Amino acid sequence: MSQDRPARIGFLLSQLGTHAAKLFADHVRELGITPSEAGVVRIIGRRPGISQRELAGQLGAVQSRVVALVDRLEQAGLAQRTRGTDRRTQQLNLTDAGRALLASLRQVAEAQEAALTDGLTAEQKAQLFDLLSTLSALRGLDPDVHPGHRLEPSQPAPSAAPARPSRPNGLKSGQGAAEIP
């Protein structure tokens, strides 16, 4: 590392990450969901028919916590469960409302990226994307799961949490697992 500057990359990444997460949370809140719920909608949209077990594995969560999250999405009319060929398997798909929400989430992600990279040239944006993608891959991070929104075993299950006021689309806020890049 150059002696010309102090080591600040980690701090700057953390600072920008907090800013990016707040921007995203503010935008998805307007849609009536949490960033975690948005991430799960995105995963189901990218992998129609994913099983609850596979979703839990991708999120690094115990299945019971994923069941509670999917319950909220299903109650809001955004996702549906169907039985797989094995009666014990629940496959997940988005409803028409869930697919419409996914389209809105893409617009939110694009607006967030535009706000974060405002002032950079197209070349600088491409370079930043390449560098961040390389660092992420080198650390084995899943590009579809935001580690800040994982369902950790130490966290109480969303269904065990006290009731929260209802939100515009009927979802309750709670812990989830993914982020829309």
N, C-alpha and C. Protein backbone atom coordinates (compact mmCIF):
# COMPACT_ATOMS: atom_id res chain seq x y z
N MET A 1 0.84 -1.17 0.00
CA MET A 1 0.00 0.00 0.00
C MET A 1 0.88 1.23 0.00
N SER A 2 0.43 2.23 -0.65
CA SER A 2 1.17 3.49 -0.74
C SER A 2 1.24 4.16 0.63
N GLN A 3 2.38 4.77 0.90
CA GLN A 3 2.55 5.52 2.14
C GLN A 3 1.92 6.90 2.04
N ASP A 4 1.42 7.26 0.85
CA ASP A 4 0.87 8.59 0.62
C ASP A 4 -0.52 8.79 1.23
N ARG A 5 -1.17 7.72 1.61
CA ARG A 5 -2.52 7.86 2.15
C ARG A 5 -2.75 6.84 3.25
N PRO A 6 -3.60 7.17 4.21
CA PRO A 6 -3.92 6.18 5.25
C PRO A 6 -4.83 5.09 4.69
N ALA A 7 -4.85 3.95 5.35
CA ALA A 7 -5.73 2.85 4.96
C ALA A 7 -7.17 3.24 5.29
N ARG A 8 -7.97 3.49 4.26
CA ARG A 8 -9.35 3.93 4.48
C ARG A 8 -10.34 3.22 3.56
N ILE A 9 -9.91 2.27 2.79
CA ILE A 9 -10.80 1.61 1.84
C ILE A 9 -11.96 0.95 2.58
N GLY A 10 -11.67 0.23 3.65
CA GLY A 10 -12.73 -0.43 4.41
C GLY A 10 -13.73 0.57 4.97
N PHE A 11 -13.23 1.66 5.52
CA PHE A 11 -14.11 2.69 6.05
C PHE A 11 -15.00 3.27 4.95
N LEU A 12 -14.39 3.60 3.82
CA LEU A 12 -15.16 4.20 2.73
C LEU A 12 -16.21 3.22 2.18
N LEU A 13 -15.84 1.94 2.05
CA LEU A 13 -16.80 0.94 1.60
C LEU A 13 -17.95 0.82 2.59
N SER A 14 -17.62 0.82 3.88
CA SER A 14 -18.65 0.72 4.90
C SER A 14 -19.57 1.94 4.88
N GLN A 15 -18.97 3.10 4.76
CA GLN A 15 -19.73 4.35 4.71
C GLN A 15 -20.67 4.36 3.51
N LEU A 16 -20.16 4.00 2.34
CA LEU A 16 -20.99 3.96 1.14
C LEU A 16 -22.03 2.85 1.22
N GLY A 17 -21.66 1.72 1.83
CA GLY A 17 -22.62 0.63 1.99
C GLY A 17 -23.80 1.03 2.86
N THR A 18 -23.52 1.74 3.93
CA THR A 18 -24.59 2.23 4.80
C THR A 18 -25.48 3.20 4.04
N HIS A 19 -24.86 4.08 3.28
CA HIS A 19 -25.62 5.05 2.48
C HIS A 19 -26.48 4.33 1.44
N ALA A 20 -25.90 3.34 0.76
CA ALA A 20 -26.64 2.58 -0.26
C ALA A 20 -27.80 1.82 0.36
N ALA A 21 -27.58 1.21 1.51
CA ALA A 21 -28.64 0.45 2.18
C ALA A 21 -29.79 1.37 2.59
N LYS A 22 -29.46 2.55 3.07
CA LYS A 22 -30.52 3.50 3.47
C LYS A 22 -31.31 3.96 2.25
N LEU A 23 -30.62 4.28 1.17
CA LEU A 23 -31.33 4.68 -0.06
C LEU A 23 -32.29 3.59 -0.52
N PHE A 24 -31.80 2.37 -0.53
CA PHE A 24 -32.62 1.26 -0.99
C PHE A 24 -33.81 1.04 -0.04
N ALA A 25 -33.55 1.04 1.26
CA ALA A 25 -34.62 0.83 2.24
C ALA A 25 -35.70 1.90 2.11
N ASP A 26 -35.28 3.14 1.92
CA ASP A 26 -36.26 4.23 1.76
C ASP A 26 -37.14 4.00 0.53
N HIS A 27 -36.54 3.55 -0.56
CA HIS A 27 -37.30 3.32 -1.79
C HIS A 27 -38.24 2.12 -1.66
N VAL A 28 -37.77 1.02 -1.10
CA VAL A 28 -38.64 -0.15 -1.02
C VAL A 28 -39.71 0.03 0.03
N ARG A 29 -39.44 0.83 1.04
CA ARG A 29 -40.48 1.13 2.04
C ARG A 29 -41.69 1.76 1.37
N GLU A 30 -41.43 2.59 0.36
CA GLU A 30 -42.53 3.20 -0.40
C GLU A 30 -43.37 2.16 -1.13
N LEU A 31 -42.77 1.00 -1.42
CA LEU A 31 -43.49 -0.09 -2.07
C LEU A 31 -44.19 -0.98 -1.05
N GLY A 32 -43.97 -0.71 0.25
CA GLY A 32 -44.64 -1.46 1.30
C GLY A 32 -43.93 -2.72 1.74
N ILE A 33 -42.64 -2.84 1.44
CA ILE A 33 -41.88 -4.02 1.84
C ILE A 33 -40.55 -3.60 2.46
N THR A 34 -39.86 -4.58 3.03
CA THR A 34 -38.52 -4.35 3.57
C THR A 34 -37.48 -4.75 2.53
N PRO A 35 -36.24 -4.32 2.69
CA PRO A 35 -35.19 -4.79 1.78
C PRO A 35 -35.06 -6.31 1.78
N SER A 36 -35.23 -6.93 2.92
CA SER A 36 -35.13 -8.38 3.00
C SER A 36 -36.22 -9.05 2.19
N GLU A 37 -37.43 -8.56 2.31
CA GLU A 37 -38.54 -9.10 1.52
C GLU A 37 -38.31 -8.87 0.04
N ALA A 38 -37.76 -7.70 -0.30
CA ALA A 38 -37.45 -7.41 -1.70
C ALA A 38 -36.44 -8.41 -2.24
N GLY A 39 -35.45 -8.73 -1.44
CA GLY A 39 -34.44 -9.69 -1.87
C GLY A 39 -35.01 -11.08 -2.10
N VAL A 40 -35.92 -11.50 -1.26
CA VAL A 40 -36.54 -12.81 -1.44
C VAL A 40 -37.41 -12.82 -2.68
N VAL A 41 -38.15 -11.73 -2.91
CA VAL A 41 -38.95 -11.63 -4.14
C VAL A 41 -38.02 -11.74 -5.35
N ARG A 42 -36.89 -11.10 -5.28
CA ARG A 42 -35.93 -11.15 -6.39
C ARG A 42 -35.41 -12.56 -6.62
N ILE A 43 -35.06 -13.26 -5.55
CA ILE A 43 -34.55 -14.63 -5.71
C ILE A 43 -35.62 -15.52 -6.31
N ILE A 44 -36.84 -15.43 -5.80
CA ILE A 44 -37.93 -16.26 -6.34
C ILE A 44 -38.17 -15.90 -7.81
N GLY A 45 -38.09 -14.62 -8.14
CA GLY A 45 -38.27 -14.19 -9.52
C GLY A 45 -37.19 -14.74 -10.45
N ARG A 46 -35.98 -14.84 -9.95
CA ARG A 46 -34.87 -15.37 -10.75
C ARG A 46 -34.86 -16.89 -10.82
N ARG A 47 -35.46 -17.51 -9.81
CA ARG A 47 -35.46 -18.98 -9.74
C ARG A 47 -36.88 -19.49 -9.48
N PRO A 48 -37.79 -19.31 -10.44
CA PRO A 48 -39.16 -19.78 -10.23
C PRO A 48 -39.15 -21.27 -9.88
N GLY A 49 -39.98 -21.62 -8.89
CA GLY A 49 -40.05 -23.01 -8.48
C GLY A 49 -39.01 -23.40 -7.45
N ILE A 50 -38.19 -22.45 -6.99
CA ILE A 50 -37.20 -22.75 -5.96
C ILE A 50 -37.94 -23.30 -4.75
N SER A 51 -37.35 -24.28 -4.11
CA SER A 51 -38.00 -24.84 -2.92
C SER A 51 -37.67 -23.97 -1.71
N GLN A 52 -38.51 -24.07 -0.70
CA GLN A 52 -38.24 -23.34 0.53
C GLN A 52 -36.90 -23.78 1.11
N ARG A 53 -36.58 -25.05 0.99
CA ARG A 53 -35.32 -25.58 1.52
C ARG A 53 -34.13 -24.95 0.76
N GLU A 54 -34.24 -24.88 -0.56
CA GLU A 54 -33.16 -24.27 -1.36
C GLU A 54 -33.03 -22.79 -1.03
N LEU A 55 -34.16 -22.11 -0.86
CA LEU A 55 -34.13 -20.70 -0.50
C LEU A 55 -33.44 -20.51 0.84
N ALA A 56 -33.79 -21.34 1.81
CA ALA A 56 -33.15 -21.26 3.13
C ALA A 56 -31.65 -21.47 3.01
N GLY A 57 -31.24 -22.44 2.19
CA GLY A 57 -29.82 -22.69 2.00
C GLY A 57 -29.11 -21.51 1.37
N GLN A 58 -29.72 -20.90 0.38
CA GLN A 58 -29.10 -19.76 -0.27
C GLN A 58 -28.99 -18.58 0.68
N LEU A 59 -29.97 -18.44 1.56
CA LEU A 59 -29.98 -17.33 2.49
C LEU A 59 -29.13 -17.59 3.74
N GLY A 60 -28.71 -18.84 3.93
CA GLY A 60 -27.97 -19.17 5.13
C GLY A 60 -28.87 -19.11 6.35
N ALA A 61 -30.12 -19.51 6.19
CA ALA A 61 -31.11 -19.40 7.26
C ALA A 61 -31.72 -20.76 7.57
N VAL A 62 -32.20 -20.90 8.78
CA VAL A 62 -32.94 -22.11 9.11
C VAL A 62 -34.30 -22.03 8.41
N GLN A 63 -34.81 -23.18 8.05
CA GLN A 63 -36.02 -23.23 7.24
C GLN A 63 -37.22 -22.58 7.94
N SER A 64 -37.31 -22.71 9.25
CA SER A 64 -38.47 -22.15 9.97
C SER A 64 -38.54 -20.62 9.81
N ARG A 65 -37.40 -19.98 9.74
CA ARG A 65 -37.39 -18.52 9.57
C ARG A 65 -37.82 -18.14 8.15
N VAL A 66 -37.42 -18.94 7.18
CA VAL A 66 -37.82 -18.69 5.79
C VAL A 66 -39.32 -18.91 5.63
N VAL A 67 -39.86 -19.91 6.31
CA VAL A 67 -41.29 -20.18 6.25
C VAL A 67 -42.07 -18.95 6.69
N ALA A 68 -41.64 -18.31 7.79
CA ALA A 68 -42.34 -17.12 8.29
C ALA A 68 -42.25 -15.97 7.28
N LEU A 69 -41.12 -15.80 6.66
CA LEU A 69 -40.97 -14.74 5.67
C LEU A 69 -41.84 -15.02 4.45
N VAL A 70 -41.83 -16.25 3.97
CA VAL A 70 -42.65 -16.61 2.81
C VAL A 70 -44.13 -16.50 3.17
N ASP A 71 -44.49 -16.81 4.40
CA ASP A 71 -45.88 -16.64 4.86
C ASP A 71 -46.32 -15.19 4.63
N ARG A 72 -45.47 -14.24 5.02
CA ARG A 72 -45.82 -12.82 4.85
C ARG A 72 -45.99 -12.47 3.37
N LEU A 73 -45.08 -12.96 2.52
CA LEU A 73 -45.18 -12.67 1.09
C LEU A 73 -46.43 -13.31 0.50
N GLU A 74 -46.74 -14.50 0.96
CA GLU A 74 -47.93 -15.19 0.46
C GLU A 74 -49.21 -14.47 0.92
N GLN A 75 -49.25 -14.06 2.18
CA GLN A 75 -50.41 -13.34 2.71
C GLN A 75 -50.63 -12.02 1.98
N ALA A 76 -49.54 -11.42 1.51
CA ALA A 76 -49.64 -10.15 0.78
C ALA A 76 -49.97 -10.37 -0.69
N GLY A 77 -50.07 -11.63 -1.11
CA GLY A 77 -50.41 -11.93 -2.50
C GLY A 77 -49.25 -11.78 -3.47
N LEU A 78 -48.02 -11.82 -2.96
CA LEU A 78 -46.84 -11.63 -3.81
C LEU A 78 -46.19 -12.94 -4.24
N ALA A 79 -46.38 -13.98 -3.45
CA ALA A 79 -45.77 -15.28 -3.74
C ALA A 79 -46.79 -16.36 -3.44
N GLN A 80 -46.55 -17.51 -4.03
CA GLN A 80 -47.41 -18.66 -3.75
C GLN A 80 -46.58 -19.91 -3.62
N ARG A 81 -47.06 -20.81 -2.79
CA ARG A 81 -46.42 -22.11 -2.60
C ARG A 81 -47.23 -23.14 -3.37
N THR A 82 -46.53 -24.08 -3.96
CA THR A 82 -47.18 -25.24 -4.57
C THR A 82 -46.39 -26.48 -4.15
N ARG A 83 -47.08 -27.58 -4.08
CA ARG A 83 -46.41 -28.84 -3.74
C ARG A 83 -45.56 -29.30 -4.91
N GLY A 84 -44.37 -29.75 -4.60
CA GLY A 84 -43.51 -30.33 -5.63
C GLY A 84 -43.89 -31.78 -5.86
N THR A 85 -43.12 -32.46 -6.66
CA THR A 85 -43.38 -33.88 -6.92
C THR A 85 -43.25 -34.68 -5.63
N ASP A 86 -42.36 -34.26 -4.77
CA ASP A 86 -42.24 -34.84 -3.43
C ASP A 86 -43.18 -34.02 -2.54
N ARG A 87 -44.14 -34.66 -1.92
CA ARG A 87 -45.16 -33.93 -1.15
C ARG A 87 -44.57 -33.08 -0.03
N ARG A 88 -43.35 -33.36 0.37
CA ARG A 88 -42.72 -32.58 1.45
C ARG A 88 -42.11 -31.29 0.93
N THR A 89 -42.01 -31.12 -0.36
CA THR A 89 -41.35 -29.96 -0.95
C THR A 89 -42.36 -28.88 -1.31
N GLN A 90 -42.08 -27.67 -0.88
CA GLN A 90 -42.89 -26.51 -1.23
C GLN A 90 -42.11 -25.70 -2.26
N GLN A 91 -42.66 -25.56 -3.46
CA GLN A 91 -42.02 -24.74 -4.49
C GLN A 91 -42.61 -23.34 -4.43
N LEU A 92 -41.76 -22.35 -4.69
CA LEU A 92 -42.16 -20.96 -4.57
C LEU A 92 -42.18 -20.29 -5.94
N ASN A 93 -43.22 -19.52 -6.17
CA ASN A 93 -43.34 -18.74 -7.40
C ASN A 93 -43.94 -17.39 -7.06
N LEU A 94 -43.67 -16.43 -7.91
CA LEU A 94 -44.30 -15.12 -7.74
C LEU A 94 -45.68 -15.15 -8.38
N THR A 95 -46.58 -14.39 -7.78
CA THR A 95 -47.89 -14.18 -8.38
C THR A 95 -47.76 -13.04 -9.39
N ASP A 96 -48.84 -12.71 -10.07
CA ASP A 96 -48.81 -11.55 -10.97
C ASP A 96 -48.42 -10.29 -10.20
N ALA A 97 -48.95 -10.14 -8.99
CA ALA A 97 -48.60 -8.97 -8.16
C ALA A 97 -47.12 -9.01 -7.79
N GLY A 98 -46.60 -10.19 -7.51
CA GLY A 98 -45.18 -10.33 -7.19
C GLY A 98 -44.29 -9.97 -8.37
N ARG A 99 -44.71 -10.39 -9.57
CA ARG A 99 -43.93 -10.04 -10.78
C ARG A 99 -43.99 -8.54 -11.05
N ALA A 100 -45.13 -7.93 -10.79
CA ALA A 100 -45.24 -6.47 -10.95
C ALA A 100 -44.33 -5.76 -9.94
N LEU A 101 -44.31 -6.28 -8.71
CA LEU A 101 -43.43 -5.71 -7.70
C LEU A 101 -41.97 -5.87 -8.12
N LEU A 102 -41.62 -7.02 -8.67
CA LEU A 102 -40.24 -7.24 -9.13
C LEU A 102 -39.84 -6.21 -10.17
N ALA A 103 -40.74 -5.88 -11.08
CA ALA A 103 -40.45 -4.84 -12.08
C ALA A 103 -40.21 -3.49 -11.39
N SER A 104 -41.01 -3.18 -10.38
CA SER A 104 -40.81 -1.94 -9.62
C SER A 104 -39.48 -1.96 -8.88
N LEU A 105 -39.12 -3.12 -8.36
CA LEU A 105 -37.84 -3.24 -7.65
C LEU A 105 -36.66 -3.02 -8.59
N ARG A 106 -36.79 -3.46 -9.82
CA ARG A 106 -35.72 -3.20 -10.79
C ARG A 106 -35.55 -1.69 -10.99
N GLN A 107 -36.65 -0.98 -11.06
CA GLN A 107 -36.58 0.48 -11.21
C GLN A 107 -35.94 1.11 -9.99
N VAL A 108 -36.27 0.61 -8.81
CA VAL A 108 -35.68 1.11 -7.57
C VAL A 108 -34.17 0.88 -7.58
N ALA A 109 -33.76 -0.33 -7.97
CA ALA A 109 -32.32 -0.64 -8.00
C ALA A 109 -31.58 0.25 -9.00
N GLU A 110 -32.20 0.50 -10.14
CA GLU A 110 -31.58 1.37 -11.13
C GLU A 110 -31.48 2.81 -10.62
N ALA A 111 -32.51 3.28 -9.93
CA ALA A 111 -32.48 4.64 -9.37
C ALA A 111 -31.42 4.73 -8.27
N GLN A 112 -31.31 3.69 -7.45
CA GLN A 112 -30.31 3.68 -6.40
C GLN A 112 -28.90 3.73 -7.01
N GLU A 113 -28.66 2.91 -8.03
CA GLU A 113 -27.35 2.90 -8.65
C GLU A 113 -27.03 4.25 -9.29
N ALA A 114 -28.01 4.86 -9.93
CA ALA A 114 -27.80 6.18 -10.54
C ALA A 114 -27.44 7.21 -9.47
N ALA A 115 -28.14 7.16 -8.32
CA ALA A 115 -27.85 8.10 -7.24
C ALA A 115 -26.46 7.87 -6.66
N LEU A 116 -26.09 6.61 -6.51
CA LEU A 116 -24.78 6.29 -5.92
C LEU A 116 -23.62 6.66 -6.83
N THR A 117 -23.82 6.57 -8.12
CA THR A 117 -22.72 6.81 -9.06
C THR A 117 -22.81 8.17 -9.74
N ASP A 118 -23.73 9.00 -9.29
CA ASP A 118 -23.86 10.34 -9.86
C ASP A 118 -22.52 11.07 -9.73
N GLY A 119 -22.06 11.63 -10.82
CA GLY A 119 -20.80 12.35 -10.82
C GLY A 119 -19.65 11.54 -11.41
N LEU A 120 -19.86 10.25 -11.62
CA LEU A 120 -18.83 9.42 -12.24
C LEU A 120 -19.08 9.33 -13.74
N THR A 121 -18.01 9.17 -14.50
CA THR A 121 -18.15 8.94 -15.93
C THR A 121 -18.59 7.50 -16.16
N ALA A 122 -19.02 7.18 -17.37
CA ALA A 122 -19.41 5.81 -17.71
C ALA A 122 -18.22 4.87 -17.49
N GLU A 123 -17.03 5.32 -17.85
CA GLU A 123 -15.83 4.50 -17.67
C GLU A 123 -15.56 4.26 -16.18
N GLN A 124 -15.71 5.28 -15.36
CA GLN A 124 -15.50 5.12 -13.92
C GLN A 124 -16.54 4.18 -13.31
N LYS A 125 -17.78 4.27 -13.77
CA LYS A 125 -18.83 3.37 -13.27
C LYS A 125 -18.49 1.92 -13.61
N ALA A 126 -18.05 1.69 -14.84
CA ALA A 126 -17.68 0.33 -15.26
C ALA A 126 -16.50 -0.17 -14.44
N GLN A 127 -15.52 0.68 -14.21
CA GLN A 127 -14.35 0.29 -13.44
C GLN A 127 -14.74 -0.02 -12.00
N LEU A 128 -15.59 0.81 -11.42
CA LEU A 128 -16.05 0.58 -10.04
C LEU A 128 -16.79 -0.75 -9.96
N PHE A 129 -17.67 -1.01 -10.89
CA PHE A 129 -18.41 -2.28 -10.91
C PHE A 129 -17.45 -3.46 -11.00
N ASP A 130 -16.49 -3.38 -11.90
CA ASP A 130 -15.53 -4.48 -12.07
C ASP A 130 -14.72 -4.72 -10.80
N LEU A 131 -14.24 -3.65 -10.18
CA LEU A 131 -13.44 -3.79 -8.96
C LEU A 131 -14.27 -4.37 -7.82
N LEU A 132 -15.47 -3.87 -7.62
CA LEU A 132 -16.32 -4.37 -6.54
C LEU A 132 -16.74 -5.83 -6.80
N SER A 133 -17.02 -6.16 -8.05
CA SER A 133 -17.38 -7.54 -8.39
C SER A 133 -16.21 -8.48 -8.12
N THR A 134 -15.00 -8.05 -8.45
CA THR A 134 -13.81 -8.86 -8.21
C THR A 134 -13.61 -9.08 -6.72
N LEU A 135 -13.69 -8.01 -5.93
CA LEU A 135 -13.52 -8.15 -4.48
C LEU A 135 -14.58 -9.07 -3.89
N SER A 136 -15.82 -8.93 -4.33
CA SER A 136 -16.91 -9.78 -3.84
C SER A 136 -16.66 -11.24 -4.17
N ALA A 137 -16.27 -11.51 -5.40
CA ALA A 137 -16.01 -12.89 -5.82
C ALA A 137 -14.83 -13.49 -5.06
N LEU A 138 -13.79 -12.71 -4.85
CA LEU A 138 -12.62 -13.20 -4.13
C LEU A 138 -12.95 -13.59 -2.69
N ARG A 139 -13.97 -12.98 -2.14
CA ARG A 139 -14.37 -13.27 -0.76
C ARG A 139 -15.50 -14.29 -0.70
N GLY A 140 -15.89 -14.82 -1.86
CA GLY A 140 -16.92 -15.86 -1.89
C GLY A 140 -18.30 -15.37 -1.54
N LEU A 141 -18.57 -14.10 -1.77
CA LEU A 141 -19.89 -13.55 -1.45
C LEU A 141 -20.88 -13.90 -2.54
N ASP A 142 -22.09 -14.24 -2.14
CA ASP A 142 -23.16 -14.57 -3.07
C ASP A 142 -23.71 -13.26 -3.63
N PRO A 143 -23.67 -13.06 -4.95
CA PRO A 143 -24.14 -11.79 -5.52
C PRO A 143 -25.65 -11.58 -5.37
N ASP A 144 -26.38 -12.62 -4.96
CA ASP A 144 -27.83 -12.49 -4.80
C ASP A 144 -28.27 -12.30 -3.35
N VAL A 145 -27.35 -12.39 -2.41
CA VAL A 145 -27.73 -12.31 -0.99
C VAL A 145 -26.91 -11.24 -0.29
N HIS A 146 -27.59 -10.29 0.29
CA HIS A 146 -26.93 -9.23 1.05
C HIS A 146 -26.65 -9.77 2.45
N PRO A 147 -25.37 -9.87 2.84
CA PRO A 147 -25.07 -10.47 4.14
C PRO A 147 -25.67 -9.70 5.32
N GLY A 148 -25.95 -8.44 5.15
CA GLY A 148 -26.56 -7.66 6.22
C GLY A 148 -28.02 -8.00 6.47
N HIS A 149 -28.61 -8.76 5.57
CA HIS A 149 -30.02 -9.11 5.73
C HIS A 149 -30.25 -10.60 5.87
N ARG A 150 -29.20 -11.35 6.18
CA ARG A 150 -29.35 -12.78 6.37
C ARG A 150 -30.15 -13.03 7.63
N LEU A 151 -30.83 -14.15 7.64
CA LEU A 151 -31.55 -14.58 8.83
C LEU A 151 -30.60 -15.40 9.67
N GLU A 152 -30.08 -14.83 10.71
CA GLU A 152 -29.13 -15.53 11.55
C GLU A 152 -29.86 -16.35 12.60
N PRO A 153 -29.33 -17.52 12.95
CA PRO A 153 -29.98 -18.36 13.96
C PRO A 153 -30.18 -17.63 15.28
N SER A 154 -29.33 -16.65 15.60
CA SER A 154 -29.45 -15.95 16.88
C SER A 154 -30.61 -14.95 16.88
N GLN A 155 -31.16 -14.64 15.71
CA GLN A 155 -32.25 -13.69 15.64
C GLN A 155 -33.56 -14.41 15.92
N PRO A 156 -34.50 -13.75 16.60
CA PRO A 156 -35.79 -14.39 16.82
C PRO A 156 -36.52 -14.56 15.50
N ALA A 157 -37.28 -15.61 15.40
CA ALA A 157 -38.07 -15.83 14.20
C ALA A 157 -39.07 -14.70 14.06
N PRO A 158 -39.33 -14.23 12.83
CA PRO A 158 -40.27 -13.14 12.64
C PRO A 158 -41.64 -13.43 13.25
N SER A 159 -42.08 -14.68 13.22
CA SER A 159 -43.39 -15.00 13.77
C SER A 159 -43.42 -14.86 15.29
N ALA A 160 -42.24 -14.90 15.94
CA ALA A 160 -42.18 -14.77 17.38
C ALA A 160 -42.11 -13.32 17.82
N ALA A 161 -41.92 -12.43 16.87
CA ALA A 161 -41.81 -11.01 17.20
C ALA A 161 -43.18 -10.46 17.53
N PRO A 162 -43.25 -9.38 18.31
CA PRO A 162 -44.54 -8.78 18.60
C PRO A 162 -45.19 -8.27 17.32
N ALA A 163 -46.49 -8.21 17.34
CA ALA A 163 -47.22 -7.74 16.15
C ALA A 163 -46.81 -6.31 15.84
N ARG A 164 -46.70 -6.04 14.57
CA ARG A 164 -46.35 -4.69 14.12
C ARG A 164 -47.52 -4.12 13.36
N PRO A 165 -47.59 -2.81 13.24
CA PRO A 165 -48.70 -2.23 12.48
C PRO A 165 -48.66 -2.72 11.04
N SER A 166 -49.81 -2.87 10.44
CA SER A 166 -49.84 -3.33 9.05
C SER A 166 -49.32 -2.25 8.13
N ARG A 167 -48.80 -2.69 6.99
CA ARG A 167 -48.23 -1.79 6.00
C ARG A 167 -49.11 -1.80 4.78
N PRO A 168 -48.88 -0.90 3.84
CA PRO A 168 -49.79 -0.74 2.71
C PRO A 168 -50.19 -2.02 1.99
N ASN A 169 -49.26 -2.96 1.80
CA ASN A 169 -49.62 -4.16 1.05
C ASN A 169 -49.88 -5.34 1.97
N GLY A 170 -49.98 -5.10 3.27
CA GLY A 170 -50.28 -6.16 4.21
C GLY A 170 -49.07 -6.86 4.79
N LEU A 171 -47.86 -6.53 4.34
CA LEU A 171 -46.66 -7.15 4.89
C LEU A 171 -46.31 -6.50 6.21
N LYS A 172 -45.69 -7.26 7.07
CA LYS A 172 -45.14 -6.73 8.32
C LYS A 172 -43.65 -6.60 8.13
N SER A 173 -43.04 -5.61 8.77
CA SER A 173 -41.59 -5.51 8.68
C SER A 173 -41.00 -6.65 9.46
N GLY A 174 -39.79 -7.04 9.11
CA GLY A 174 -39.15 -8.14 9.81
C GLY A 174 -37.83 -8.47 9.17
N GLN A 175 -37.22 -9.50 9.67
CA GLN A 175 -35.93 -9.91 9.16
C GLN A 175 -36.11 -10.67 7.86
N GLY A 176 -35.19 -10.53 6.95
CA GLY A 176 -35.23 -11.23 5.68
C GLY A 176 -33.84 -11.59 5.26
N ALA A 177 -33.59 -11.63 3.95
CA ALA A 177 -32.33 -12.19 3.59
C ALA A 177 -31.62 -11.65 2.39
N ALA A 178 -32.19 -10.90 1.54
CA ALA A 178 -31.49 -10.58 0.32
C ALA A 178 -31.65 -9.12 -0.05
N GLU A 179 -30.94 -8.74 -1.03
CA GLU A 179 -30.93 -7.36 -1.49
C GLU A 179 -30.98 -7.34 -2.99
N ILE A 180 -31.54 -6.31 -3.54
CA ILE A 180 -31.58 -6.15 -4.98
C ILE A 180 -30.33 -5.37 -5.39
N PRO A 181 -29.49 -5.95 -6.19
CA PRO A 181 -28.29 -5.19 -6.59
C PRO A 181 -28.64 -4.11 -7.59
